[in-house]
Amino acid sequence: MKRTLAMVALLFLSACGTYRASTEVAESAHLQFMGNPEGVVFVLDDNLQRIVSEGASYDLNGIQATRYTAQPGTHVLRVEKNGQLLILKKIYLSSGDVYEVNLP
């Protein structure tokens, strides 16, 4: 009986272990413009105006996607195409978020 109890205790103690997890958090967010970026400019928080077509572009399921990095937080996004206002809205970006803007 003592031998069986000792074996059970040994098995129980050997099954105990530690668990350690690590999480990596992105420190930036992204604006992703979907569609033809020609003639489109955007301004984030009344800062520098950027030309959308100069961003990193790639094909995403047959649609041109152009991505810019932004800081997390609340922003005012203004998007214009050929001088015409398309979007003016307040947005919130969390770390690691991708905020998608569909261009006409």
Protein backbone atom coordinates (compact mmCIF):
# COMPACT_ATOMS: atom_id res chain seq x y z
CA MET A 1 0.00 0.00 0.00
CA LYS A 2 2.83 2.38 0.90
CA ARG A 3 4.55 1.54 -2.35
CA THR A 4 1.39 2.31 -4.38
CA LEU A 5 0.83 5.56 -2.50
CA ALA A 6 4.46 6.54 -3.09
CA MET A 7 4.12 5.79 -6.82
CA VAL A 8 0.93 7.87 -7.09
CA ALA A 9 2.60 10.75 -5.23
CA LEU A 10 5.65 10.51 -7.49
CA LEU A 11 3.49 10.53 -10.63
CA PHE A 12 1.46 13.45 -9.32
CA LEU A 13 4.53 15.51 -8.49
CA SER A 14 6.23 14.75 -11.78
CA ALA A 15 3.14 15.95 -13.67
CA CYS A 16 3.35 19.38 -12.09
CA GLY A 17 5.07 21.95 -14.19
CA THR A 18 5.15 25.61 -14.92
CA TYR A 19 3.39 27.46 -17.68
CA ARG A 20 4.87 30.56 -19.20
CA ALA A 21 3.32 32.52 -22.01
CA SER A 22 4.59 35.56 -23.79
CA THR A 23 2.56 38.06 -25.74
CA GLU A 24 3.96 40.42 -28.31
CA VAL A 25 1.99 43.61 -28.82
CA ALA A 26 2.42 45.71 -31.94
CA GLU A 27 3.22 49.30 -31.10
CA SER A 28 1.67 50.73 -34.23
CA ALA A 29 -1.55 50.62 -36.18
CA HIS A 30 -2.22 50.86 -39.92
CA LEU A 31 -4.44 52.73 -42.34
CA GLN A 32 -5.22 50.58 -45.36
CA PHE A 33 -6.70 52.22 -48.45
CA MET A 34 -8.61 49.82 -50.73
CA GLY A 35 -9.07 50.71 -54.40
CA ASN A 36 -7.42 53.02 -56.92
CA PRO A 37 -5.23 55.51 -55.01
CA GLU A 38 -4.55 57.83 -57.96
CA GLY A 39 -5.33 61.44 -57.04
CA VAL A 40 -6.12 60.54 -53.41
CA VAL A 41 -4.47 62.36 -50.51
CA PHE A 42 -5.08 62.01 -46.79
CA VAL A 43 -4.37 64.06 -43.70
CA LEU A 44 -4.25 62.57 -40.21
CA ASP A 45 -4.80 65.07 -37.37
CA ASP A 46 -4.12 68.13 -39.54
CA ASN A 47 -0.52 67.01 -39.94
CA LEU A 48 1.42 66.38 -43.13
CA GLN A 49 -0.67 65.63 -46.20
CA ARG A 50 0.25 62.29 -47.75
CA ILE A 51 -0.33 60.98 -51.25
CA VAL A 52 -1.94 57.56 -50.98
CA SER A 53 -0.32 56.16 -54.14
CA GLU A 54 3.15 56.64 -52.55
CA GLY A 55 2.45 54.09 -49.80
CA ALA A 56 3.31 50.40 -49.78
CA SER A 57 0.86 48.84 -52.25
CA TYR A 58 -0.05 45.22 -52.92
CA ASP A 59 -2.83 43.18 -54.45
CA LEU A 60 -5.40 41.90 -51.94
CA ASN A 61 -7.95 39.56 -53.54
CA GLY A 62 -7.87 41.48 -56.80
CA ILE A 63 -8.12 44.93 -55.17
CA GLN A 64 -5.18 47.30 -54.78
CA ALA A 65 -4.41 47.89 -51.09
CA THR A 66 -2.11 50.69 -49.91
CA ARG A 67 -0.96 50.70 -46.30
CA TYR A 68 0.41 53.42 -44.01
CA THR A 69 1.62 53.09 -40.41
CA ALA A 70 0.04 55.29 -37.75
CA GLN A 71 0.27 55.69 -34.00
CA PRO A 72 -2.47 54.13 -31.86
CA GLY A 73 -5.04 56.54 -30.45
CA THR A 74 -7.81 58.86 -31.56
CA HIS A 75 -7.29 60.66 -34.87
CA VAL A 76 -9.16 62.84 -37.33
CA LEU A 77 -8.89 61.37 -40.83
CA ARG A 78 -9.47 63.54 -43.89
CA VAL A 79 -9.42 61.90 -47.35
CA GLU A 80 -9.68 63.87 -50.60
CA LYS A 81 -9.61 62.84 -54.25
CA ASN A 82 -8.77 65.46 -56.87
CA GLY A 83 -9.64 68.21 -54.37
CA GLN A 84 -13.04 66.73 -53.44
CA LEU A 85 -13.63 65.74 -49.80
CA LEU A 86 -14.47 62.04 -49.56
CA ILE A 87 -14.10 61.31 -45.85
CA LEU A 88 -13.84 63.42 -42.72
CA LYS A 89 -14.22 61.40 -39.55
CA LYS A 90 -12.80 60.74 -36.11
CA ILE A 91 -11.29 57.26 -35.81
CA TYR A 92 -9.69 55.23 -33.03
CA LEU A 93 -6.75 52.96 -33.76
CA SER A 94 -5.64 50.29 -31.30
CA SER A 95 -2.18 48.76 -31.36
CA GLY A 96 -2.00 46.25 -34.19
CA ASP A 97 -5.27 47.44 -35.78
CA VAL A 98 -5.74 47.86 -39.52
CA TYR A 99 -8.33 50.54 -40.33
CA GLU A 100 -9.65 50.01 -43.83
CA VAL A 101 -10.73 52.91 -46.05
CA ASN A 102 -12.62 52.00 -49.24
CA LEU A 103 -11.82 54.37 -52.10
CA PRO A 104 -14.34 55.03 -54.89
